[in-house]
Amino acid sequence: MNTNKYIKYETRRWIDQITILPRSIFLTFHLWENLSDEKDDNTFYKIQKVNKRFLNKLERICNASKGRLERIVVIERNTSRNHCHLMIEVPIHLSNKMMVK
């Protein structure tokens, strides 16, 4: 088995086993040109800030009862372009369609 495929498979299996987010959505998004090409630590810090702002706005829009949505954030930098993967909890009072909207 190819090492990359094996790593993806094992990661997916691991997330499925440990996840406490049974009602969740998965997002993948690409970043602006200035954040997608650079691989240094300063760019990584800026990407973290973008993710934090996005999640804070999402929590305000969703009226999260606990004040926080549970999430797992992965920032991939070892590819040709930086991008992010998010696994976000869907609050009980929203459907998956409403969360995506």
PDB file of N, CA and C in Angstrom:
ATOM      1  N   MET A   1       0.851  -1.175   0.000  1.00  0.00           N
ATOM      2  CA  MET A   1       0.000   0.000   0.000  1.00  0.00           C
ATOM      3  C   MET A   1       0.900   1.243   0.000  1.00  0.00           C
ATOM      4  N   ASN A   2       0.484   2.233  -0.748  1.00  0.00           N
ATOM      5  CA  ASN A   2       1.205   3.494  -0.800  1.00  0.00           C
ATOM      6  C   ASN A   2       1.191   4.153   0.586  1.00  0.00           C
ATOM      7  N   THR A   3       2.318   4.706   0.972  1.00  0.00           N
ATOM      8  CA  THR A   3       2.438   5.294   2.308  1.00  0.00           C
ATOM      9  C   THR A   3       1.432   6.418   2.522  1.00  0.00           C
ATOM     10  N   ASN A   4       1.258   7.306   1.538  1.00  0.00           N
ATOM     11  CA  ASN A   4       0.306   8.413   1.692  1.00  0.00           C
ATOM     12  C   ASN A   4      -1.116   7.906   1.851  1.00  0.00           C
ATOM     13  N   LYS A   5      -1.502   6.916   1.060  1.00  0.00           N
ATOM     14  CA  LYS A   5      -2.844   6.362   1.181  1.00  0.00           C
ATOM     15  C   LYS A   5      -3.023   5.682   2.533  1.00  0.00           C
ATOM     16  N   TYR A   6      -1.988   5.014   2.981  1.00  0.00           N
ATOM     17  CA  TYR A   6      -2.052   4.343   4.277  1.00  0.00           C
ATOM     18  C   TYR A   6      -2.211   5.364   5.401  1.00  0.00           C
ATOM     19  N   ILE A   7      -1.461   6.436   5.335  1.00  0.00           N
ATOM     20  CA  ILE A   7      -1.548   7.489   6.358  1.00  0.00           C
ATOM     21  C   ILE A   7      -2.944   8.101   6.355  1.00  0.00           C
ATOM     22  N   LYS A   8      -3.494   8.389   5.178  1.00  0.00           N
ATOM     23  CA  LYS A   8      -4.848   8.942   5.104  1.00  0.00           C
ATOM     24  C   LYS A   8      -5.870   7.970   5.679  1.00  0.00           C
ATOM     25  N   TYR A   9      -5.725   6.711   5.336  1.00  0.00           N
ATOM     26  CA  TYR A   9      -6.651   5.693   5.831  1.00  0.00           C
ATOM     27  C   TYR A   9      -6.578   5.595   7.351  1.00  0.00           C
ATOM     28  N   GLU A  10      -5.370   5.516   7.883  1.00  0.00           N
ATOM     29  CA  GLU A  10      -5.203   5.399   9.330  1.00  0.00           C
ATOM     30  C   GLU A  10      -5.691   6.647  10.056  1.00  0.00           C
ATOM     31  N   THR A  11      -5.469   7.816   9.484  1.00  0.00           N
ATOM     32  CA  THR A  11      -5.939   9.059  10.088  1.00  0.00           C
ATOM     33  C   THR A  11      -7.456   9.088  10.120  1.00  0.00           C
ATOM     34  N   ARG A  12      -8.090   8.724   9.011  1.00  0.00           N
ATOM     35  CA  ARG A  12      -9.548   8.700   8.960  1.00  0.00           C
ATOM     36  C   ARG A  12     -10.105   7.695   9.971  1.00  0.00           C
ATOM     37  N   ARG A  13      -9.481   6.526  10.067  1.00  0.00           N
ATOM     38  CA  ARG A  13      -9.920   5.505  11.015  1.00  0.00           C
ATOM     39  C   ARG A  13      -9.761   6.003  12.448  1.00  0.00           C
ATOM     40  N   TRP A  14      -8.648   6.669  12.728  1.00  0.00           N
ATOM     41  CA  TRP A  14      -8.386   7.204  14.057  1.00  0.00           C
ATOM     42  C   TRP A  14      -9.429   8.263  14.429  1.00  0.00           C
ATOM     43  N   ILE A  15      -9.741   9.166  13.511  1.00  0.00           N
ATOM     44  CA  ILE A  15     -10.739  10.204  13.774  1.00  0.00           C
ATOM     45  C   ILE A  15     -12.106   9.575  14.005  1.00  0.00           C
ATOM     46  N   ASP A  16     -12.444   8.570  13.193  1.00  0.00           N
ATOM     47  CA  ASP A  16     -13.730   7.893  13.373  1.00  0.00           C
ATOM     48  C   ASP A  16     -13.838   7.244  14.744  1.00  0.00           C
ATOM     49  N   GLN A  17     -12.740   6.710  15.258  1.00  0.00           N
ATOM     50  CA  GLN A  17     -12.771   6.026  16.552  1.00  0.00           C
ATOM     51  C   GLN A  17     -12.829   6.990  17.727  1.00  0.00           C
ATOM     52  N   ILE A  18     -12.127   8.097  17.649  1.00  0.00           N
ATOM     53  CA  ILE A  18     -12.028   8.972  18.813  1.00  0.00           C
ATOM     54  C   ILE A  18     -12.984  10.147  18.785  1.00  0.00           C
ATOM     55  N   THR A  19     -13.633  10.353  17.668  1.00  0.00           N
ATOM     56  CA  THR A  19     -14.406  11.574  17.543  1.00  0.00           C
ATOM     57  C   THR A  19     -15.572  11.622  18.530  1.00  0.00           C
ATOM     58  N   ILE A  20     -15.767  12.805  19.039  1.00  0.00           N
ATOM     59  CA  ILE A  20     -16.905  13.056  19.906  1.00  0.00           C
ATOM     60  C   ILE A  20     -17.869  13.985  19.170  1.00  0.00           C
ATOM     61  N   LEU A  21     -17.709  14.042  17.865  1.00  0.00           N
ATOM     62  CA  LEU A  21     -18.517  14.927  17.045  1.00  0.00           C
ATOM     63  C   LEU A  21     -19.387  14.118  16.078  1.00  0.00           C
ATOM     64  N   PRO A  22     -20.383  13.422  16.583  1.00  0.00           N
ATOM     65  CA  PRO A  22     -21.197  12.608  15.680  1.00  0.00           C
ATOM     66  C   PRO A  22     -22.017  13.448  14.711  1.00  0.00           C
ATOM     67  N   ARG A  23     -22.377  14.663  15.113  1.00  0.00           N
ATOM     68  CA  ARG A  23     -23.095  15.593  14.228  1.00  0.00           C
ATOM     69  C   ARG A  23     -22.087  16.639  13.762  1.00  0.00           C
ATOM     70  N   SER A  24     -21.411  16.346  12.695  1.00  0.00           N
ATOM     71  CA  SER A  24     -20.386  17.280  12.259  1.00  0.00           C
ATOM     72  C   SER A  24     -20.394  17.422  10.747  1.00  0.00           C
ATOM     73  N   ILE A  25     -19.794  18.513  10.289  1.00  0.00           N
ATOM     74  CA  ILE A  25     -19.597  18.728   8.864  1.00  0.00           C
ATOM     75  C   ILE A  25     -18.101  18.884   8.622  1.00  0.00           C
ATOM     76  N   PHE A  26     -17.702  18.545   7.427  1.00  0.00           N
ATOM     77  CA  PHE A  26     -16.301  18.642   7.048  1.00  0.00           C
ATOM     78  C   PHE A  26     -16.157  19.734   6.002  1.00  0.00           C
ATOM     79  N   LEU A  27     -15.193  20.606   6.202  1.00  0.00           N
ATOM     80  CA  LEU A  27     -14.934  21.696   5.259  1.00  0.00           C
ATOM     81  C   LEU A  27     -13.479  21.649   4.820  1.00  0.00           C
ATOM     82  N   THR A  28     -13.260  21.945   3.571  1.00  0.00           N
ATOM     83  CA  THR A  28     -11.912  22.149   3.059  1.00  0.00           C
ATOM     84  C   THR A  28     -11.924  23.488   2.346  1.00  0.00           C
ATOM     85  N   PHE A  29     -10.993  24.354   2.677  1.00  0.00           N
ATOM     86  CA  PHE A  29     -10.957  25.625   1.955  1.00  0.00           C
ATOM     87  C   PHE A  29      -9.537  26.022   1.633  1.00  0.00           C
ATOM     88  N   HIS A  30      -9.433  26.684   0.492  1.00  0.00           N
ATOM     89  CA  HIS A  30      -8.153  27.196   0.026  1.00  0.00           C
ATOM     90  C   HIS A  30      -8.050  28.645   0.433  1.00  0.00           C
ATOM     91  N   LEU A  31      -6.838  29.114   0.534  1.00  0.00           N
ATOM     92  CA  LEU A  31      -6.583  30.446   1.063  1.00  0.00           C
ATOM     93  C   LEU A  31      -6.254  31.420  -0.059  1.00  0.00           C
ATOM     94  N   TRP A  32      -6.219  32.700   0.287  1.00  0.00           N
ATOM     95  CA  TRP A  32      -5.827  33.726  -0.670  1.00  0.00           C
ATOM     96  C   TRP A  32      -4.411  33.469  -1.148  1.00  0.00           C
ATOM     97  N   GLU A  33      -4.074  34.098  -2.242  1.00  0.00           N
ATOM     98  CA  GLU A  33      -2.752  33.902  -2.853  1.00  0.00           C
ATOM     99  C   GLU A  33      -1.613  34.219  -1.882  1.00  0.00           C
ATOM    100  N   ASN A  34      -1.750  35.289  -1.114  1.00  0.00           N
ATOM    101  CA  ASN A  34      -0.661  35.667  -0.212  1.00  0.00           C
ATOM    102  C   ASN A  34      -0.465  34.668   0.928  1.00  0.00           C
ATOM    103  N   LEU A  35      -1.489  33.871   1.251  1.00  0.00           N
ATOM    104  CA  LEU A  35      -1.357  32.879   2.314  1.00  0.00           C
ATOM    105  C   LEU A  35      -1.163  31.463   1.777  1.00  0.00           C
ATOM    106  N   SER A  36      -1.419  31.250   0.518  1.00  0.00           N
ATOM    107  CA  SER A  36      -1.369  29.886   0.001  1.00  0.00           C
ATOM    108  C   SER A  36       0.011  29.470  -0.490  1.00  0.00           C
ATOM    109  N   ASP A  37       0.874  30.410  -0.798  1.00  0.00           N
ATOM    110  CA  ASP A  37       2.155  30.053  -1.395  1.00  0.00           C
ATOM    111  C   ASP A  37       3.310  29.968  -0.398  1.00  0.00           C
ATOM    112  N   GLU A  38       3.327  30.852   0.574  1.00  0.00           N
ATOM    113  CA  GLU A  38       4.442  30.895   1.526  1.00  0.00           C
ATOM    114  C   GLU A  38       4.352  29.757   2.531  1.00  0.00           C
ATOM    115  N   LYS A  39       5.513  29.277   2.977  1.00  0.00           N
ATOM    116  CA  LYS A  39       5.552  28.149   3.920  1.00  0.00           C
ATOM    117  C   LYS A  39       6.189  28.514   5.262  1.00  0.00           C
ATOM    118  N   ASP A  40       6.450  29.780   5.505  1.00  0.00           N
ATOM    119  CA  ASP A  40       7.151  30.176   6.731  1.00  0.00           C
ATOM    120  C   ASP A  40       6.203  30.251   7.930  1.00  0.00           C
ATOM    121  N   ASP A  41       6.773  30.468   9.105  1.00  0.00           N
ATOM    122  CA  ASP A  41       5.994  30.486  10.343  1.00  0.00           C
ATOM    123  C   ASP A  41       5.064  31.687  10.436  1.00  0.00           C
ATOM    124  N   ASN A  42       5.480  32.812   9.870  1.00  0.00           N
ATOM    125  CA  ASN A  42       4.637  34.006   9.893  1.00  0.00           C
ATOM    126  C   ASN A  42       3.341  33.755   9.119  1.00  0.00           C
ATOM    127  N   THR A  43       3.440  33.105   7.988  1.00  0.00           N
ATOM    128  CA  THR A  43       2.254  32.765   7.203  1.00  0.00           C
ATOM    129  C   THR A  43       1.374  31.785   7.956  1.00  0.00           C
ATOM    130  N   PHE A  44       1.987  30.812   8.616  1.00  0.00           N
ATOM    131  CA  PHE A  44       1.230  29.848   9.419  1.00  0.00           C
ATOM    132  C   PHE A  44       0.454  30.560  10.515  1.00  0.00           C
ATOM    133  N   TYR A  45       1.060  31.540  11.154  1.00  0.00           N
ATOM    134  CA  TYR A  45       0.398  32.328  12.195  1.00  0.00           C
ATOM    135  C   TYR A  45      -0.794  33.095  11.610  1.00  0.00           C
ATOM    136  N   LYS A  46      -0.617  33.675  10.419  1.00  0.00           N
ATOM    137  CA  LYS A  46      -1.714  34.404   9.769  1.00  0.00           C
ATOM    138  C   LYS A  46      -2.868  33.468   9.423  1.00  0.00           C
ATOM    139  N   ILE A  47      -2.552  32.263   8.972  1.00  0.00           N
ATOM    140  CA  ILE A  47      -3.590  31.278   8.656  1.00  0.00           C
ATOM    141  C   ILE A  47      -4.361  30.904   9.921  1.00  0.00           C
ATOM    142  N   GLN A  48      -3.666  30.748  11.027  1.00  0.00           N
ATOM    143  CA  GLN A  48      -4.337  30.453  12.298  1.00  0.00           C
ATOM    144  C   GLN A  48      -5.298  31.581  12.676  1.00  0.00           C
ATOM    145  N   LYS A  49      -4.879  32.830  12.467  1.00  0.00           N
ATOM    146  CA  LYS A  49      -5.742  33.966  12.779  1.00  0.00           C
ATOM    147  C   LYS A  49      -6.980  33.993  11.887  1.00  0.00           C
ATOM    148  N   VAL A  50      -6.816  33.663  10.608  1.00  0.00           N
ATOM    149  CA  VAL A  50      -7.954  33.617   9.687  1.00  0.00           C
ATOM    150  C   VAL A  50      -8.943  32.556  10.147  1.00  0.00           C
ATOM    151  N   ASN A  51      -8.429  31.388  10.512  1.00  0.00           N
ATOM    152  CA  ASN A  51      -9.299  30.307  11.009  1.00  0.00           C
ATOM    153  C   ASN A  51     -10.032  30.730  12.275  1.00  0.00           C
ATOM    154  N   LYS A  52      -9.327  31.383  13.167  1.00  0.00           N
ATOM    155  CA  LYS A  52      -9.929  31.805  14.433  1.00  0.00           C
ATOM    156  C   LYS A  52     -11.053  32.810  14.185  1.00  0.00           C
ATOM    157  N   ARG A  53     -10.813  33.782  13.298  1.00  0.00           N
ATOM    158  CA  ARG A  53     -11.854  34.765  12.980  1.00  0.00           C
ATOM    159  C   ARG A  53     -13.077  34.102  12.342  1.00  0.00           C
ATOM    160  N   PHE A  54     -12.818  33.181  11.421  1.00  0.00           N
ATOM    161  CA  PHE A  54     -13.914  32.470  10.767  1.00  0.00           C
ATOM    162  C   PHE A  54     -14.752  31.704  11.793  1.00  0.00           C
ATOM    163  N   LEU A  55     -14.090  30.981  12.682  1.00  0.00           N
ATOM    164  CA  LEU A  55     -14.810  30.182  13.672  1.00  0.00           C
ATOM    165  C   LEU A  55     -15.552  31.059  14.671  1.00  0.00           C
ATOM    166  N   ASN A  56     -14.985  32.198  15.048  1.00  0.00           N
ATOM    167  CA  ASN A  56     -15.681  33.113  15.957  1.00  0.00           C
ATOM    168  C   ASN A  56     -16.945  33.666  15.315  1.00  0.00           C
ATOM    169  N   LYS A  57     -16.863  34.038  14.022  1.00  0.00           N
ATOM    170  CA  LYS A  57     -18.050  34.527  13.320  1.00  0.00           C
ATOM    171  C   LYS A  57     -19.097  33.433  13.199  1.00  0.00           C
ATOM    172  N   LEU A  58     -18.664  32.229  12.901  1.00  0.00           N
ATOM    173  CA  LEU A  58     -19.581  31.105  12.775  1.00  0.00           C
ATOM    174  C   LEU A  58     -20.294  30.828  14.095  1.00  0.00           C
ATOM    175  N   GLU A  59     -19.576  30.908  15.209  1.00  0.00           N
ATOM    176  CA  GLU A  59     -20.183  30.696  16.523  1.00  0.00           C
ATOM    177  C   GLU A  59     -21.226  31.765  16.831  1.00  0.00           C
ATOM    178  N   ARG A  60     -20.949  33.014  16.454  1.00  0.00           N
ATOM    179  CA  ARG A  60     -21.928  34.075  16.680  1.00  0.00           C
ATOM    180  C   ARG A  60     -23.174  33.867  15.820  1.00  0.00           C
ATOM    181  N   ILE A  61     -22.986  33.483  14.568  1.00  0.00           N
ATOM    182  CA  ILE A  61     -24.117  33.275  13.662  1.00  0.00           C
ATOM    183  C   ILE A  61     -24.962  32.089  14.108  1.00  0.00           C
ATOM    184  N   CYS A  62     -24.319  31.034  14.574  1.00  0.00           N
ATOM    185  CA  CYS A  62     -25.036  29.813  14.976  1.00  0.00           C
ATOM    186  C   CYS A  62     -25.646  29.918  16.357  1.00  0.00           C
ATOM    187  N   ASN A  63     -25.331  30.954  17.104  1.00  0.00           N
ATOM    188  CA  ASN A  63     -25.792  31.075  18.492  1.00  0.00           C
ATOM    189  C   ASN A  63     -25.463  29.815  19.276  1.00  0.00           C
ATOM    190  N   ALA A  64     -24.221  29.444  19.252  1.00  0.00           N
ATOM    191  CA  ALA A  64     -23.782  28.230  19.956  1.00  0.00           C
ATOM    192  C   ALA A  64     -24.095  28.383  21.438  1.00  0.00           C
ATOM    193  N   SER A  65     -24.827  27.412  21.977  1.00  0.00           N
ATOM    194  CA  SER A  65     -25.300  27.521  23.360  1.00  0.00           C
ATOM    195  C   SER A  65     -24.145  27.467  24.357  1.00  0.00           C
ATOM    196  N   LYS A  66     -23.123  26.685  24.061  1.00  0.00           N
ATOM    197  CA  LYS A  66     -21.983  26.583  24.971  1.00  0.00           C
ATOM    198  C   LYS A  66     -21.001  27.733  24.755  1.00  0.00           C
ATOM    199  N   GLY A  67     -21.230  28.519  23.710  1.00  0.00           N
ATOM    200  CA  GLY A  67     -20.311  29.598  23.397  1.00  0.00           C
ATOM    201  C   GLY A  67     -19.208  29.150  22.459  1.00  0.00           C
ATOM    202  N   ARG A  68     -18.987  27.850  22.339  1.00  0.00           N
ATOM    203  CA  ARG A  68     -17.937  27.315  21.488  1.00  0.00           C
ATOM    204  C   ARG A  68     -18.459  26.112  20.727  1.00  0.00           C
ATOM    205  N   LEU A  69     -18.080  26.020  19.472  1.00  0.00           N
ATOM    206  CA  LEU A  69     -18.356  24.818  18.692  1.00  0.00           C
ATOM    207  C   LEU A  69     -17.124  23.928  18.775  1.00  0.00           C
ATOM    208  N   GLU A  70     -17.360  22.663  18.980  1.00  0.00           N
ATOM    209  CA  GLU A  70     -16.220  21.751  18.977  1.00  0.00           C
ATOM    210  C   GLU A  70     -15.731  21.621  17.549  1.00  0.00           C
ATOM    211  N   ARG A  71     -14.404  21.555  17.392  1.00  0.00           N
ATOM    212  CA  ARG A  71     -13.844  21.487  16.047  1.00  0.00           C
ATOM    213  C   ARG A  71     -12.458  20.880  16.058  1.00  0.00           C
ATOM    214  N   ILE A  72     -12.111  20.376  14.897  1.00  0.00           N
ATOM    215  CA  ILE A  72     -10.749  19.907  14.649  1.00  0.00           C
ATOM    216  C   ILE A  72     -10.277  20.653  13.411  1.00  0.00           C
ATOM    217  N   VAL A  73      -9.139  21.319  13.526  1.00  0.00           N
ATOM    218  CA  VAL A  73      -8.610  22.115  12.424  1.00  0.00           C
ATOM    219  C   VAL A  73      -7.262  21.538  12.013  1.00  0.00           C
ATOM    220  N   VAL A  74      -7.099  21.321  10.706  1.00  0.00           N
ATOM    221  CA  VAL A  74      -5.829  20.845  10.166  1.00  0.00           C
ATOM    222  C   VAL A  74      -5.399  21.814   9.082  1.00  0.00           C
ATOM    223  N   ILE A  75      -4.182  22.326   9.204  1.00  0.00           N
ATOM    224  CA  ILE A  75      -3.613  23.221   8.194  1.00  0.00           C
ATOM    225  C   ILE A  75      -2.537  22.443   7.461  1.00  0.00           C
ATOM    226  N   GLU A  76      -2.737  22.266   6.167  1.00  0.00           N
ATOM    227  CA  GLU A  76      -1.753  21.525   5.373  1.00  0.00           C
ATOM    228  C   GLU A  76      -0.816  22.506   4.696  1.00  0.00           C
ATOM    229  N   ARG A  77       0.466  22.353   4.989  1.00  0.00           N
ATOM    230  CA  ARG A  77       1.473  23.227   4.391  1.00  0.00           C
ATOM    231  C   ARG A  77       2.448  22.463   3.512  1.00  0.00           C
ATOM    232  N   ASN A  78       2.426  21.149   3.536  1.00  0.00           N
ATOM    233  CA  ASN A  78       3.408  20.379   2.782  1.00  0.00           C
ATOM    234  C   ASN A  78       2.925  20.042   1.373  1.00  0.00           C
ATOM    235  N   THR A  79       1.929  20.755   0.873  1.00  0.00           N
ATOM    236  CA  THR A  79       1.436  20.581  -0.476  1.00  0.00           C
ATOM    237  C   THR A  79       1.848  21.785  -1.310  1.00  0.00           C
ATOM    238  N   SER A  80       1.466  21.800  -2.567  1.00  0.00           N
ATOM    239  CA  SER A  80       1.859  22.921  -3.418  1.00  0.00           C
ATOM    240  C   SER A  80       1.230  24.227  -2.957  1.00  0.00           C
ATOM    241  N   ARG A  81      -0.002  24.152  -2.435  1.00  0.00           N
ATOM    242  CA  ARG A  81      -0.677  25.343  -1.902  1.00  0.00           C
ATOM    243  C   ARG A  81      -1.179  25.027  -0.493  1.00  0.00           C
ATOM    244  N   ASN A  82      -1.039  25.981   0.399  1.00  0.00           N
ATOM    245  CA  ASN A  82      -1.566  25.817   1.750  1.00  0.00           C
ATOM    246  C   ASN A  82      -3.091  25.759   1.695  1.00  0.00           C
ATOM    247  N   HIS A  83      -3.684  24.884   2.491  1.00  0.00           N
ATOM    248  CA  HIS A  83      -5.129  24.829   2.615  1.00  0.00           C
ATOM    249  C   HIS A  83      -5.497  24.240   3.970  1.00  0.00           C
ATOM    250  N   CYS A  84      -6.773  24.364   4.319  1.00  0.00           N
ATOM    251  CA  CYS A  84      -7.231  23.954   5.647  1.00  0.00           C
ATOM    252  C   CYS A  84      -8.379  22.962   5.537  1.00  0.00           C
ATOM    253  N   HIS A  85      -8.420  22.061   6.504  1.00  0.00           N
ATOM    254  CA  HIS A  85      -9.523  21.121   6.664  1.00  0.00           C
ATOM    255  C   HIS A  85     -10.118  21.364   8.045  1.00  0.00           C
ATOM    256  N   LEU A  86     -11.431  21.455   8.103  1.00  0.00           N
ATOM    257  CA  LEU A  86     -12.120  21.680   9.366  1.00  0.00           C
ATOM    258  C   LEU A  86     -13.198  20.627   9.557  1.00  0.00           C
ATOM    259  N   MET A  87     -13.303  20.151  10.768  1.00  0.00           N
ATOM    260  CA  MET A  87     -14.408  19.286  11.174  1.00  0.00           C
ATOM    261  C   MET A  87     -15.108  20.034  12.297  1.00  0.00           C
ATOM    262  N   ILE A  88     -16.351  20.471  12.045  1.00  0.00           N
ATOM    263  CA  ILE A  88     -17.053  21.359  12.970  1.00  0.00           C
ATOM    264  C   ILE A  88     -18.339  20.711  13.440  1.00  0.00           C
ATOM    265  N   GLU A  89     -18.585  20.813  14.728  1.00  0.00           N
ATOM    266  CA  GLU A  89     -19.810  20.303  15.332  1.00  0.00           C
ATOM    267  C   GLU A  89     -21.012  21.105  14.841  1.00  0.00           C
ATOM    268  N   VAL A  90     -22.113  20.427  14.557  1.00  0.00           N
ATOM    269  CA  VAL A  90     -23.369  21.084  14.215  1.00  0.00           C
ATOM    270  C   VAL A  90     -24.192  21.179  15.501  1.00  0.00           C
ATOM    271  N   PRO A  91     -24.570  22.389  15.917  1.00  0.00           N
ATOM    272  CA  PRO A  91     -25.364  22.517  17.138  1.00  0.00           C
ATOM    273  C   PRO A  91     -26.689  21.762  17.027  1.00  0.00           C
ATOM    274  N   ILE A  92     -27.229  21.370  18.158  1.00  0.00           N
ATOM    275  CA  ILE A  92     -28.458  20.573  18.214  1.00  0.00           C
ATOM    276  C   ILE A  92     -29.631  21.316  17.568  1.00  0.00           C
ATOM    277  N   HIS A  93     -29.697  22.624  17.751  1.00  0.00           N
ATOM    278  CA  HIS A  93     -30.855  23.373  17.255  1.00  0.00           C
ATOM    279  C   HIS A  93     -30.793  23.667  15.757  1.00  0.00           C
ATOM    280  N   LEU A  94     -29.735  23.255  15.062  1.00  0.00           N
ATOM    281  CA  LEU A  94     -29.612  23.480  13.623  1.00  0.00           C
ATOM    282  C   LEU A  94     -29.546  22.143  12.886  1.00  0.00           C
ATOM    283  N   SER A  95     -30.074  22.131  11.698  1.00  0.00           N
ATOM    284  CA  SER A  95     -29.912  20.947  10.848  1.00  0.00           C
ATOM    285  C   SER A  95     -28.601  21.102  10.068  1.00  0.00           C
ATOM    286  N   ASN A  96     -28.184  20.015   9.442  1.00  0.00           N
ATOM    287  CA  ASN A  96     -26.952  20.086   8.636  1.00  0.00           C
ATOM    288  C   ASN A  96     -27.118  21.074   7.483  1.00  0.00           C
ATOM    289  N   LYS A  97     -28.297  21.104   6.871  1.00  0.00           N
ATOM    290  CA  LYS A  97     -28.533  22.042   5.761  1.00  0.00           C
ATOM    291  C   LYS A  97     -28.422  23.485   6.229  1.00  0.00           C
ATOM    292  N   MET A  98     -28.983  23.783   7.383  1.00  0.00           N
ATOM    293  CA  MET A  98     -28.908  25.151   7.915  1.00  0.00           C
ATOM    294  C   MET A  98     -27.470  25.519   8.269  1.00  0.00           C
ATOM    295  N   MET A  99     -26.719  24.570   8.774  1.00  0.00           N
ATOM    296  CA  MET A  99     -25.325  24.828   9.131  1.00  0.00           C
ATOM    297  C   MET A  99     -24.505  25.142   7.881  1.00  0.00           C
ATOM    298  N   VAL A 100     -24.729  24.393   6.835  1.00  0.00           N
ATOM    299  CA  VAL A 100     -24.002  24.646   5.587  1.00  0.00           C
ATOM    300  C   VAL A 100     -24.391  25.989   5.004  1.00  0.00           C
ATOM    301  N   LYS A 101     -25.677  26.312   5.105  1.00  0.00           N
ATOM    302  CA  LYS A 101     -26.156  27.592   4.582  1.00  0.00           C
ATOM    303  C   LYS A 101     -25.566  28.749   5.367  1.00  0.00           C
TER     304      LYS A 101
END
